[in-house]
C-alpha atoms as a PDB file:
ATOM      1  CA  MET A   1     -24.615 -34.780   0.086  1.00  0.00           C
ATOM      2  CA  ARG A   2     -24.758 -31.843  -2.312  1.00  0.00           C
ATOM      3  CA  ARG A   3     -27.397 -30.110  -0.165  1.00  0.00           C
ATOM      4  CA  LYS A   4     -25.178 -30.464   2.919  1.00  0.00           C
ATOM      5  CA  LYS A   5     -22.242 -28.959   1.040  1.00  0.00           C
ATOM      6  CA  LYS A   6     -24.339 -25.987  -0.122  1.00  0.00           C
ATOM      7  CA  LEU A   7     -25.648 -25.500   3.398  1.00  0.00           C
ATOM      8  CA  GLY A   8     -22.106 -25.569   4.810  1.00  0.00           C
ATOM      9  CA  THR A   9     -20.952 -23.013   2.229  1.00  0.00           C
ATOM     10  CA  ALA A  10     -23.896 -20.755   3.020  1.00  0.00           C
ATOM     11  CA  LEU A  11     -23.188 -20.957   6.750  1.00  0.00           C
ATOM     12  CA  LEU A  12     -19.511 -20.195   6.171  1.00  0.00           C
ATOM     13  CA  GLY A  13     -20.427 -17.232   3.992  1.00  0.00           C
ATOM     14  CA  ARG A  14     -22.807 -15.903   6.628  1.00  0.00           C
ATOM     15  CA  ARG A  15     -20.189 -16.345   9.343  1.00  0.00           C
ATOM     16  CA  GLU A  16     -17.590 -14.426   7.330  1.00  0.00           C
ATOM     17  CA  ARG A  17     -20.083 -11.629   6.626  1.00  0.00           C
ATOM     18  CA  ASN A  18     -20.870 -11.429  10.345  1.00  0.00           C
ATOM     19  CA  LYS A  19     -17.156 -11.161  11.137  1.00  0.00           C
ATOM     20  CA  LEU A  20     -16.698  -8.391   8.598  1.00  0.00           C
ATOM     21  CA  ASP A  21     -19.718  -6.557   9.981  1.00  0.00           C
ATOM     22  CA  THR A  22     -18.397  -6.860  13.538  1.00  0.00           C
ATOM     23  CA  ARG A  23     -14.954  -5.675  12.448  1.00  0.00           C
ATOM     24  CA  GLN A  24     -16.460  -2.654  10.719  1.00  0.00           C
ATOM     25  CA  ARG A  25     -18.598  -1.731  13.743  1.00  0.00           C
ATOM     26  CA  ILE A  26     -15.531  -1.943  15.977  1.00  0.00           C
ATOM     27  CA  ARG A  27     -13.489   0.213  13.573  1.00  0.00           C
ATOM     28  CA  THR A  28     -16.248   2.808  13.412  1.00  0.00           C
ATOM     29  CA  ALA A  29     -16.742   2.870  17.182  1.00  0.00           C
ATOM     30  CA  ALA A  30     -13.019   3.222  17.873  1.00  0.00           C
ATOM     31  CA  ARG A  31     -12.641   5.978  15.273  1.00  0.00           C
ATOM     32  CA  GLU A  32     -15.582   7.951  16.709  1.00  0.00           C
ATOM     33  CA  LEU A  33     -14.540   7.622  20.360  1.00  0.00           C
ATOM     34  CA  PHE A  34     -10.858   8.362  19.750  1.00  0.00           C
ATOM     35  CA  ALA A  35     -11.838  11.488  17.814  1.00  0.00           C
ATOM     36  CA  ARG A  36     -14.488  12.627  20.299  1.00  0.00           C
ATOM     37  CA  ARG A  37     -13.031  11.713  23.708  1.00  0.00           C
ATOM     38  CA  GLY A  38      -9.354  11.387  22.887  1.00  0.00           C
ATOM     39  CA  TYR A  39      -7.155   8.322  22.899  1.00  0.00           C
ATOM     40  CA  GLY A  40      -6.457   8.462  26.628  1.00  0.00           C
ATOM     41  CA  ALA A  41     -10.065   8.828  27.762  1.00  0.00           C
ATOM     42  CA  ALA A  42     -11.667   6.199  25.514  1.00  0.00           C
ATOM     43  CA  THR A  43     -11.609   2.713  27.041  1.00  0.00           C
ATOM     44  CA  MET A  44     -11.866  -0.728  25.499  1.00  0.00           C
ATOM     45  CA  ARG A  45     -15.175  -1.193  27.330  1.00  0.00           C
ATOM     46  CA  ASP A  46     -16.496   2.094  25.925  1.00  0.00           C
ATOM     47  CA  ILE A  47     -15.576   0.991  22.426  1.00  0.00           C
ATOM     48  CA  ALA A  48     -17.170  -2.435  22.870  1.00  0.00           C
ATOM     49  CA  THR A  49     -20.371  -0.818  24.095  1.00  0.00           C
ATOM     50  CA  ARG A  50     -20.374   1.642  21.208  1.00  0.00           C
ATOM     51  CA  ALA A  51     -19.826  -1.177  18.716  1.00  0.00           C
ATOM     52  CA  ASP A  52     -22.544  -3.278  20.381  1.00  0.00           C
ATOM     53  CA  VAL A  53     -20.227  -6.239  20.988  1.00  0.00           C
ATOM     54  CA  ALA A  54     -19.110  -8.061  24.110  1.00  0.00           C
ATOM     55  CA  LEU A  55     -15.784  -6.960  25.568  1.00  0.00           C
ATOM     56  CA  GLY A  56     -14.405 -10.452  24.939  1.00  0.00           C
ATOM     57  CA  THR A  57     -15.402 -10.172  21.287  1.00  0.00           C
ATOM     58  CA  LEU A  58     -13.538  -6.878  21.011  1.00  0.00           C
ATOM     59  CA  PHE A  59     -10.363  -8.568  22.251  1.00  0.00           C
ATOM     60  CA  ASN A  60     -10.716 -11.122  19.463  1.00  0.00           C
ATOM     61  CA  TYR A  61     -10.093  -8.269  17.020  1.00  0.00           C
ATOM     62  CA  ALA A  62      -7.592  -6.102  18.907  1.00  0.00           C
ATOM     63  CA  ASP A  63      -5.283  -6.735  21.854  1.00  0.00           C
ATOM     64  CA  ASP A  64      -5.445  -3.168  23.155  1.00  0.00           C
ATOM     65  CA  LYS A  65      -6.184   0.421  22.130  1.00  0.00           C
ATOM     66  CA  ARG A  66      -2.944   0.660  20.191  1.00  0.00           C
ATOM     67  CA  ASP A  67      -3.985  -2.350  18.155  1.00  0.00           C
ATOM     68  CA  LEU A  68      -7.331  -0.648  17.525  1.00  0.00           C
ATOM     69  CA  VAL A  69      -5.564   2.332  15.945  1.00  0.00           C
ATOM     70  CA  PHE A  70      -4.141   0.008  13.310  1.00  0.00           C
ATOM     71  CA  LEU A  71      -7.419  -1.839  12.943  1.00  0.00           C
ATOM     72  CA  ILE A  72      -8.802   1.565  11.941  1.00  0.00           C
ATOM     73  CA  PHE A  73      -5.982   2.442   9.568  1.00  0.00           C
ATOM     74  CA  ASN A  74      -4.611  -0.749   7.999  1.00  0.00           C
ATOM     75  CA  ASP A  75      -7.305  -1.028   5.333  1.00  0.00           C
ATOM     76  CA  VAL A  76      -6.787   2.646   4.472  1.00  0.00           C
ATOM     77  CA  LEU A  77      -2.996   2.311   4.407  1.00  0.00           C
ATOM     78  CA  ASP A  78      -3.134  -0.798   2.229  1.00  0.00           C
ATOM     79  CA  GLU A  79      -5.235   0.918  -0.434  1.00  0.00           C
ATOM     80  CA  LEU A  80      -3.241   4.149  -0.049  1.00  0.00           C
ATOM     81  CA  THR A  81       0.031   2.312  -0.689  1.00  0.00           C
ATOM     82  CA  ASP A  82      -1.386   0.866  -3.913  1.00  0.00           C
ATOM     83  CA  ARG A  83      -2.313   4.362  -5.114  1.00  0.00           C
ATOM     84  CA  ALA A  84       0.959   5.912  -3.984  1.00  0.00           C
ATOM     85  CA  LEU A  85       3.179   3.362  -5.715  1.00  0.00           C
ATOM     86  CA  ALA A  86       1.211   3.778  -8.948  1.00  0.00           C
ATOM     87  CA  ALA A  87       1.589   7.585  -8.889  1.00  0.00           C
ATOM     88  CA  PRO A  88       5.180   8.171 -10.163  1.00  0.00           C
ATOM     89  CA  GLN A  89       5.740   8.763 -13.880  1.00  0.00           C
ATOM     90  CA  ALA A  90       8.537   6.837 -15.580  1.00  0.00           C
ATOM     91  CA  GLY A  91      11.421   9.065 -16.641  1.00  0.00           C
ATOM     92  CA  ASP A  92      10.644  11.886 -14.200  1.00  0.00           C
ATOM     93  CA  PRO A  93      13.389  13.146 -11.884  1.00  0.00           C
ATOM     94  CA  LEU A  94      13.651  10.958  -8.801  1.00  0.00           C
ATOM     95  CA  ALA A  95      12.549  13.824  -6.545  1.00  0.00           C
ATOM     96  CA  ASP A  96       9.317  14.198  -8.537  1.00  0.00           C
ATOM     97  CA  GLN A  97       8.690  10.468  -8.437  1.00  0.00           C
ATOM     98  CA  LEU A  98       9.190  10.355  -4.689  1.00  0.00           C
ATOM     99  CA  LEU A  99       6.956  13.374  -4.145  1.00  0.00           C
ATOM    100  CA  ALA A 100       4.227  11.683  -6.190  1.00  0.00           C
ATOM    101  CA  VAL A 101       4.390   8.745  -3.774  1.00  0.00           C
ATOM    102  CA  PHE A 102       4.511  10.805  -0.615  1.00  0.00           C
ATOM    103  CA  ARG A 103       1.937  13.417  -1.652  1.00  0.00           C
ATOM    104  CA  CYS A 104      -0.725  10.692  -1.575  1.00  0.00           C
ATOM    105  CA  HIS A 105       0.013  10.168   2.114  1.00  0.00           C
ATOM    106  CA  TYR A 106      -0.137  13.878   2.919  1.00  0.00           C
ATOM    107  CA  VAL A 107      -3.514  14.186   1.201  1.00  0.00           C
ATOM    108  CA  GLU A 108      -4.949  11.181   3.043  1.00  0.00           C
ATOM    109  CA  LEU A 109      -3.649  12.093   6.495  1.00  0.00           C
ATOM    110  CA  ALA A 110      -4.825  15.691   6.141  1.00  0.00           C
ATOM    111  CA  LYS A 111      -8.434  14.454   6.029  1.00  0.00           C
ATOM    112  CA  ASN A 112      -8.409  13.759   9.774  1.00  0.00           C
ATOM    113  CA  PRO A 113      -5.343  15.278  11.487  1.00  0.00           C
ATOM    114  CA  VAL A 114      -6.465  14.196  14.976  1.00  0.00           C
ATOM    115  CA  LEU A 115      -6.542  10.503  14.104  1.00  0.00           C
ATOM    116  CA  SER A 116      -3.488  10.836  11.862  1.00  0.00           C
ATOM    117  CA  ARG A 117      -1.452  12.220  14.766  1.00  0.00           C
ATOM    118  CA  LEU A 118      -2.606   9.264  16.822  1.00  0.00           C
ATOM    119  CA  LEU A 119      -1.455   6.843  14.124  1.00  0.00           C
ATOM    120  CA  LEU A 120       1.997   8.391  13.853  1.00  0.00           C
ATOM    121  CA  GLN A 121       2.283   8.541  17.631  1.00  0.00           C
ATOM    122  CA  GLU A 122       1.427   4.878  18.148  1.00  0.00           C
ATOM    123  CA  LEU A 123       3.399   3.273  15.323  1.00  0.00           C
ATOM    124  CA  THR A 124       6.737   3.770  17.102  1.00  0.00           C
ATOM    125  CA  PHE A 125       7.924   0.350  18.312  1.00  0.00           C
ATOM    126  CA  TYR A 126       4.610  -1.206  17.243  1.00  0.00           C
ATOM    127  CA  SER A 127       5.639  -4.848  16.874  1.00  0.00           C
ATOM    128  CA  GLU A 128       3.052  -6.874  18.794  1.00  0.00           C
ATOM    129  CA  GLY A 129      -0.680  -7.032  18.285  1.00  0.00           C
ATOM    130  CA  LYS A 130      -3.197  -8.597  15.964  1.00  0.00           C
ATOM    131  CA  GLU A 131      -2.725  -5.864  13.349  1.00  0.00           C
ATOM    132  CA  ALA A 132       1.069  -5.490  13.676  1.00  0.00           C
ATOM    133  CA  GLU A 133       2.125  -8.003  11.035  1.00  0.00           C
ATOM    134  CA  ARG A 134      -0.163  -6.484   8.442  1.00  0.00           C
ATOM    135  CA  PHE A 135       1.004  -2.945   9.221  1.00  0.00           C
ATOM    136  CA  HIS A 136       4.662  -3.905   8.867  1.00  0.00           C
ATOM    137  CA  ALA A 137       3.922  -5.693   5.584  1.00  0.00           C
ATOM    138  CA  ILE A 138       2.320  -2.501   4.240  1.00  0.00           C
ATOM    139  CA  ARG A 139       5.272  -0.369   5.321  1.00  0.00           C
ATOM    140  CA  THR A 140       7.729  -2.863   3.846  1.00  0.00           C
ATOM    141  CA  ARG A 141       5.833  -2.712   0.550  1.00  0.00           C
ATOM    142  CA  LEU A 142       6.111   1.085   0.519  1.00  0.00           C
ATOM    143  CA  ILE A 143       9.858   1.013   1.169  1.00  0.00           C
ATOM    144  CA  ALA A 144      10.288  -1.662  -1.519  1.00  0.00           C
ATOM    145  CA  GLY A 145       8.523   0.688  -3.948  1.00  0.00           C
ATOM    146  CA  ILE A 146      10.939   3.478  -3.054  1.00  0.00           C
ATOM    147  CA  GLU A 147      13.804   1.037  -3.584  1.00  0.00           C
ATOM    148  CA  ARG A 148      12.588   0.283  -7.125  1.00  0.00           C
ATOM    149  CA  LEU A 149      12.569   3.995  -7.932  1.00  0.00           C
ATOM    150  CA  VAL A 150      16.093   4.388  -6.581  1.00  0.00           C
ATOM    151  CA  ARG A 151      17.343   1.337  -8.482  1.00  0.00           C
ATOM    152  CA  ALA A 152      15.921   2.684 -11.754  1.00  0.00           C
ATOM    153  CA  ALA A 153      17.442   6.113 -11.109  1.00  0.00           C
ATOM    154  CA  GLN A 154      20.844   4.528 -10.530  1.00  0.00           C
ATOM    155  CA  ALA A 155      20.524   2.430 -13.670  1.00  0.00           C
ATOM    156  CA  ASP A 156      19.894   5.404 -15.961  1.00  0.00           C
ATOM    157  CA  GLY A 157      22.299   7.786 -14.247  1.00  0.00           C
ATOM    158  CA  ARG A 158      19.819  10.120 -12.544  1.00  0.00           C
ATOM    159  CA  ILE A 159      21.675   9.570  -9.274  1.00  0.00           C
ATOM    160  CA  GLY A 160      25.319   8.616  -9.049  1.00  0.00           C
ATOM    161  CA  THR A 161      25.920   7.184  -5.589  1.00  0.00           C
ATOM    162  CA  PRO A 162      26.979   3.519  -5.545  1.00  0.00           C
ATOM    163  CA  GLU A 163      25.146   2.837  -2.283  1.00  0.00           C
ATOM    164  CA  LYS A 164      22.772  -0.106  -2.315  1.00  0.00           C
ATOM    165  CA  PRO A 165      19.197   0.801  -3.308  1.00  0.00           C
ATOM    166  CA  ALA A 166      17.719  -0.868  -0.204  1.00  0.00           C
ATOM    167  CA  PHE A 167      19.884   1.275   2.065  1.00  0.00           C
ATOM    168  CA  LEU A 168      19.063   4.457   0.146  1.00  0.00           C
ATOM    169  CA  ALA A 169      15.351   3.635   0.268  1.00  0.00           C
ATOM    170  CA  ARG A 170      15.478   3.479   4.054  1.00  0.00           C
ATOM    171  CA  TYR A 171      17.401   6.762   4.146  1.00  0.00           C
ATOM    172  CA  ILE A 172      14.761   8.468   2.008  1.00  0.00           C
ATOM    173  CA  PHE A 173      11.939   6.910   4.016  1.00  0.00           C
ATOM    174  CA  PHE A 174      13.460   8.214   7.265  1.00  0.00           C
ATOM    175  CA  VAL A 175      13.534  11.794   5.929  1.00  0.00           C
ATOM    176  CA  TYR A 176       9.942  11.490   4.709  1.00  0.00           C
ATOM    177  CA  SER A 177       8.780  10.043   8.052  1.00  0.00           C
ATOM    178  CA  ALA A 178      10.359  12.866  10.039  1.00  0.00           C
ATOM    179  CA  ALA A 179       8.958  15.508   7.674  1.00  0.00           C
ATOM    180  CA  LEU A 180       5.496  13.966   7.915  1.00  0.00           C
ATOM    181  CA  ARG A 181       5.549  14.070  11.720  1.00  0.00           C
ATOM    182  CA  TRP A 182       6.754  17.683  11.741  1.00  0.00           C
ATOM    183  CA  TRP A 183       3.979  18.658   9.324  1.00  0.00           C
ATOM    184  CA  ILE A 184       1.075  16.823  11.011  1.00  0.00           C
ATOM    185  CA  ALA A 185       1.976  18.398  14.375  1.00  0.00           C
ATOM    186  CA  ALA A 186       0.918  21.829  13.071  1.00  0.00           C
ATOM    187  CA  PRO A 187      -2.474  23.098  14.292  1.00  0.00           C
ATOM    188  CA  ARG A 188      -3.767  23.117  10.706  1.00  0.00           C
ATOM    189  CA  PRO A 189      -1.523  20.969   8.499  1.00  0.00           C
ATOM    190  CA  GLU A 190      -1.817  22.112   4.886  1.00  0.00           C
ATOM    191  CA  VAL A 191      -0.924  19.623   2.168  1.00  0.00           C
ATOM    192  CA  ARG A 192       0.613  22.286  -0.091  1.00  0.00           C
ATOM    193  CA  ARG A 193       2.989  23.537   2.579  1.00  0.00           C
ATOM    194  CA  GLY A 194       3.872  20.058   3.788  1.00  0.00           C
ATOM    195  CA  VAL A 195       4.722  18.821   0.304  1.00  0.00           C
ATOM    196  CA  ALA A 196       6.708  21.974  -0.470  1.00  0.00           C
ATOM    197  CA  ASP A 197       8.752  21.486   2.695  1.00  0.00           C
ATOM    198  CA  LEU A 198       9.365  17.845   1.822  1.00  0.00           C
ATOM    199  CA  ARG A 199      10.440  18.849  -1.699  1.00  0.00           C
ATOM    200  CA  ARG A 200      13.168  21.075  -0.243  1.00  0.00           C
ATOM    201  CA  LEU A 201      14.345  18.305   2.081  1.00  0.00           C
ATOM    202  CA  LEU A 202      14.447  15.740  -0.728  1.00  0.00           C
ATOM    203  CA  ALA A 203      16.307  18.169  -3.004  1.00  0.00           C
ATOM    204  CA  LEU A 204      19.029  18.562  -0.381  1.00  0.00           C
ATOM    205  CA  GLN A 205      19.118  14.844   0.283  1.00  0.00           C
ATOM    206  CA  LEU A 206      19.309  13.781  -3.357  1.00  0.00           C
ATOM    207  CA  ASP A 207      21.874  16.470  -4.158  1.00  0.00           C
ATOM    208  CA  GLY A 208      24.032  15.045  -1.397  1.00  0.00           C
ATOM    209  CA  LEU A 209      23.597  11.531  -2.746  1.00  0.00           C
ATOM    210  CA  ALA A 210      24.582  12.633  -6.220  1.00  0.00           C
ATOM    211  CA  ARG A 211      27.632  14.694  -5.206  1.00  0.00           C
ATOM    212  CA  GLY A 212      28.862  13.651  -1.791  1.00  0.00           C
ATOM    213  CA  LEU A 213      28.687   9.863  -1.641  1.00  0.00           C
ATOM    214  CA  ARG A 214      30.646   8.885  -4.738  1.00  0.00           C
ATOM    215  CA  GLY A 215      33.457   6.699  -3.584  1.00  0.00           C
ATOM    216  CA  ALA A 216      32.114   6.482  -0.013  1.00  0.00           C
ATOM    217  CA  PRO A 217      32.316   3.058   1.635  1.00  0.00           C
ATOM    218  CA  ARG A 218      29.175   1.028   1.012  1.00  0.00           C
ATOM    219  CA  GLU A 219      27.030   0.104   3.967  1.00  0.00           C
ATOM    220  CA  VAL A 220      25.486  -3.309   4.360  1.00  0.00           C
ATOM    221  CA  ALA A 221      21.740  -3.088   3.632  1.00  0.00           C
END
Protein backbone atom coordinates (compact mmCIF):
# COMPACT_ATOMS: atom_id res chain seq x y z
CA MET A 1 0.00 0.00 0.00
CA ARG A 2 2.84 2.33 0.94
CA ARG A 3 4.67 1.56 -2.33
CA LYS A 4 1.54 2.43 -4.33
CA LYS A 5 1.21 5.73 -2.48
CA LYS A 6 4.86 6.62 -3.16
CA LEU A 7 4.44 5.67 -6.80
CA GLY A 8 1.31 7.84 -7.09
CA THR A 9 3.13 10.79 -5.50
CA ALA A 10 6.07 10.36 -7.85
CA LEU A 11 3.78 10.24 -10.88
CA LEU A 12 1.93 13.34 -9.69
CA GLY A 13 5.22 15.15 -9.16
CA ARG A 14 6.42 14.20 -12.63
CA ARG A 15 3.13 15.32 -14.17
CA GLU A 16 3.33 18.71 -12.45
CA ARG A 17 6.95 19.15 -13.58
CA ASN A 18 5.91 18.32 -17.14
CA LYS A 19 3.14 20.92 -16.97
CA LEU A 20 5.54 23.56 -15.68
CA ASP A 21 8.03 22.69 -18.41
CA THR A 22 5.33 22.94 -21.09
CA ARG A 23 4.12 26.25 -19.68
CA GLN A 24 7.64 27.65 -19.72
CA ARG A 25 8.27 26.52 -23.31
CA ILE A 26 5.02 28.16 -24.40
CA ARG A 27 5.91 31.40 -22.57
CA THR A 28 9.35 31.45 -24.17
CA ALA A 29 8.02 30.71 -27.65
CA ALA A 30 5.33 33.39 -27.41
CA ARG A 31 7.80 35.97 -26.09
CA GLU A 32 10.29 35.25 -28.90
CA LEU A 33 7.73 35.28 -31.72
CA PHE A 34 5.88 38.37 -30.50
CA ALA A 35 9.20 40.22 -30.26
CA ARG A 36 10.54 38.97 -33.60
CA ARG A 37 7.48 38.88 -35.87
CA GLY A 38 5.13 41.21 -34.05
CA TYR A 39 1.88 40.46 -32.29
CA GLY A 40 -0.22 40.59 -35.45
CA ALA A 41 1.96 38.29 -37.55
CA ALA A 42 2.61 35.56 -34.96
CA THR A 43 -0.09 32.87 -34.94
CA MET A 44 -1.15 30.38 -32.31
CA ARG A 45 0.04 27.59 -34.62
CA ASP A 46 3.44 29.26 -35.00
CA ILE A 47 3.77 29.50 -31.24
CA ALA A 48 2.74 25.87 -30.72
CA THR A 49 5.31 24.75 -33.28
CA ARG A 50 8.01 26.88 -31.68
CA ALA A 51 7.17 25.50 -28.24
CA ASP A 52 7.11 21.93 -29.61
CA VAL A 53 3.56 21.26 -28.39
CA ALA A 54 0.35 20.31 -30.14
CA LEU A 55 -1.99 23.18 -30.98
CA GLY A 56 -4.62 21.64 -28.71
CA THR A 57 -2.12 21.61 -25.85
CA LEU A 58 -1.42 25.30 -26.40
CA PHE A 59 -5.13 26.06 -26.00
CA ASN A 60 -5.06 24.29 -22.64
CA TYR A 61 -2.77 27.09 -21.43
CA ALA A 62 -4.14 30.13 -23.27
CA ASP A 63 -7.42 30.87 -25.02
CA ASP A 64 -5.89 33.20 -27.60
CA LYS A 65 -2.90 35.44 -28.28
CA ARG A 66 -4.12 38.03 -25.81
CA ASP A 67 -4.17 35.38 -23.12
CA LEU A 68 -0.62 34.44 -24.10
CA VAL A 69 0.56 38.00 -23.40
CA PHE A 70 -0.54 37.58 -19.80
CA LEU A 71 0.85 34.07 -19.62
CA ILE A 72 4.18 35.74 -20.42
CA PHE A 73 3.81 38.56 -17.92
CA ASN A 74 1.77 37.34 -14.94
CA ASP A 75 4.69 35.64 -13.19
CA VAL A 76 6.79 38.78 -13.72
CA LEU A 77 4.01 41.09 -12.53
CA ASP A 78 3.35 39.00 -9.43
CA GLU A 79 6.97 39.15 -8.30
CA LEU A 80 7.24 42.80 -9.37
CA THR A 81 4.24 43.74 -7.23
CA ASP A 82 5.86 42.12 -4.20
CA ARG A 83 9.02 44.19 -4.74
CA ALA A 84 7.12 47.39 -5.48
CA LEU A 85 4.94 47.23 -2.37
CA ALA A 86 8.00 46.60 -0.20
CA ALA A 87 9.85 49.62 -1.63
CA PRO A 88 8.28 52.62 0.21
CA GLN A 89 9.92 53.87 3.41
CA ALA A 90 7.67 54.56 6.40
CA GLY A 91 7.42 58.25 7.23
CA ASP A 92 8.44 59.49 3.77
CA PRO A 93 6.20 61.99 1.96
CA LEU A 94 3.39 60.20 0.16
CA ALA A 95 4.74 61.27 -3.24
CA ASP A 96 8.09 59.61 -2.47
CA GLN A 97 6.37 56.45 -1.28
CA LEU A 98 4.26 56.26 -4.41
CA LEU A 99 7.26 56.89 -6.65
CA ALA A 100 9.12 54.06 -4.91
CA VAL A 101 6.25 51.74 -5.86
CA PHE A 102 5.90 52.95 -9.42
CA ARG A 103 9.62 53.24 -10.19
CA CYS A 104 9.88 49.45 -9.91
CA HIS A 105 7.40 49.12 -12.76
CA TYR A 106 9.23 51.63 -14.96
CA VAL A 107 12.52 49.79 -14.45
CA GLU A 108 10.98 46.41 -15.29
CA LEU A 109 9.03 47.54 -18.35
CA ALA A 110 12.03 49.41 -19.74
CA LYS A 111 13.87 46.09 -20.11
CA ASN A 112 11.76 45.15 -23.14
CA PRO A 113 9.72 48.12 -24.44
CA VAL A 114 8.31 46.16 -27.39
CA LEU A 115 6.67 43.52 -25.21
CA SER A 116 5.77 46.09 -22.55
CA ARG A 117 3.83 48.12 -25.12
CA LEU A 118 2.03 44.94 -26.09
CA LEU A 119 1.09 44.27 -22.46
CA LEU A 120 -0.30 47.76 -21.92
CA GLN A 121 -2.12 47.61 -25.24
CA GLU A 122 -3.83 44.30 -24.49
CA LEU A 123 -4.81 44.80 -20.86
CA THR A 124 -7.65 47.20 -21.74
CA PHE A 125 -10.94 45.36 -21.17
CA TYR A 126 -9.05 42.12 -20.49
CA SER A 127 -11.64 40.20 -18.48
CA GLU A 128 -11.87 36.75 -20.07
CA GLY A 129 -9.15 34.18 -20.54
CA LYS A 130 -7.24 31.62 -18.55
CA GLU A 131 -4.84 34.25 -17.18
CA ALA A 132 -7.40 37.04 -16.61
CA GLU A 133 -8.34 36.23 -13.03
CA ARG A 134 -4.73 36.11 -11.93
CA PHE A 135 -3.90 39.38 -13.68
CA HIS A 136 -6.80 41.19 -12.03
CA ALA A 137 -5.81 39.78 -8.64
CA ILE A 138 -2.29 41.19 -9.11
CA ARG A 139 -3.62 44.60 -10.12
CA THR A 140 -6.05 44.62 -7.20
CA ARG A 141 -3.16 43.84 -4.85
CA LEU A 142 -1.20 46.80 -6.22
CA ILE A 143 -4.12 49.20 -5.78
CA ALA A 144 -4.71 47.86 -2.25
CA GLY A 145 -1.06 48.67 -1.49
CA ILE A 146 -1.56 52.23 -2.72
CA GLU A 147 -4.67 52.44 -0.55
CA ARG A 148 -2.65 51.50 2.55
CA LEU A 149 -0.18 54.29 1.81
CA VAL A 150 -3.01 56.79 1.40
CA ARG A 151 -4.72 55.63 4.59
CA ALA A 152 -1.50 56.05 6.58
CA ALA A 153 -0.91 59.50 5.08
CA GLN A 154 -4.41 60.56 6.08
CA ALA A 155 -3.95 59.19 9.58
CA ASP A 156 -0.80 61.21 10.28
CA GLY A 157 -1.90 64.36 8.48
CA ARG A 158 0.36 64.19 5.41
CA ILE A 159 -2.72 64.65 3.23
CA GLY A 160 -5.87 66.38 4.36
CA THR A 161 -8.66 65.33 2.02
CA PRO A 162 -11.48 63.36 3.69
CA GLU A 163 -12.08 61.24 0.59
CA LYS A 164 -12.09 57.50 1.13
CA PRO A 165 -8.66 55.87 0.72
CA ALA A 166 -9.98 53.29 -1.77
CA PHE A 167 -11.30 56.04 -4.03
CA LEU A 168 -8.07 58.03 -3.79
CA ALA A 169 -6.03 54.92 -4.56
CA ARG A 170 -7.92 54.44 -7.80
CA TYR A 171 -7.44 58.11 -8.65
CA ILE A 172 -3.69 57.84 -8.12
CA PHE A 173 -3.53 54.56 -10.04
CA PHE A 174 -5.32 56.14 -13.01
CA VAL A 175 -2.75 58.96 -13.20
CA TYR A 176 0.12 56.47 -12.95
CA SER A 177 -1.41 54.23 -15.65
CA ALA A 178 -1.82 57.11 -18.08
CA ALA A 179 1.71 58.38 -17.39
CA LEU A 180 3.12 54.89 -17.92
CA ARG A 181 1.42 54.55 -21.30
CA TRP A 182 2.61 57.99 -22.41
CA TRP A 183 6.18 57.12 -21.39
CA ILE A 184 6.38 53.63 -22.93
CA ALA A 185 5.12 54.98 -26.27
CA ALA A 186 8.38 56.92 -26.73
CA PRO A 187 10.88 55.42 -29.20
CA ARG A 188 13.41 54.99 -26.38
CA PRO A 189 11.65 55.20 -23.00
CA GLU A 190 14.14 56.27 -20.34
CA VAL A 191 13.35 55.38 -16.73
CA ARG A 192 14.82 58.63 -15.37
CA ARG A 193 12.67 60.82 -17.59
CA GLY A 194 9.55 58.74 -17.07
CA VAL A 195 9.85 58.82 -13.29
CA ALA A 196 10.61 62.55 -13.31
CA ASP A 197 7.48 63.20 -15.37
CA LEU A 198 5.41 61.06 -13.03
CA ARG A 199 6.83 62.94 -10.02
CA ARG A 200 5.54 66.22 -11.45
CA LEU A 201 2.11 64.72 -12.12
CA LEU A 202 1.87 63.25 -8.62
CA ALA A 203 2.99 66.55 -7.06
CA LEU A 204 0.14 68.36 -8.81
CA GLN A 205 -2.32 65.63 -7.93
CA LEU A 206 -1.40 65.42 -4.25
CA ASP A 207 -1.29 69.20 -3.92
CA GLY A 208 -4.84 69.29 -5.23
CA LEU A 209 -5.90 66.59 -2.79
CA ALA A 210 -4.38 68.48 0.11
CA ARG A 211 -5.79 71.91 -0.78
CA GLY A 212 -8.78 71.57 -3.07
CA LEU A 213 -10.86 68.67 -1.78
CA ARG A 214 -11.36 69.65 1.86
CA GLY A 215 -15.05 69.81 2.43
CA ALA A 216 -15.87 68.32 -1.00
CA PRO A 217 -18.68 65.76 -1.07
CA ARG A 218 -17.38 62.24 -0.56
CA GLU A 219 -17.76 59.77 -3.37
CA VAL A 220 -18.79 56.19 -2.80
CA ALA A 221 -15.75 53.92 -3.23
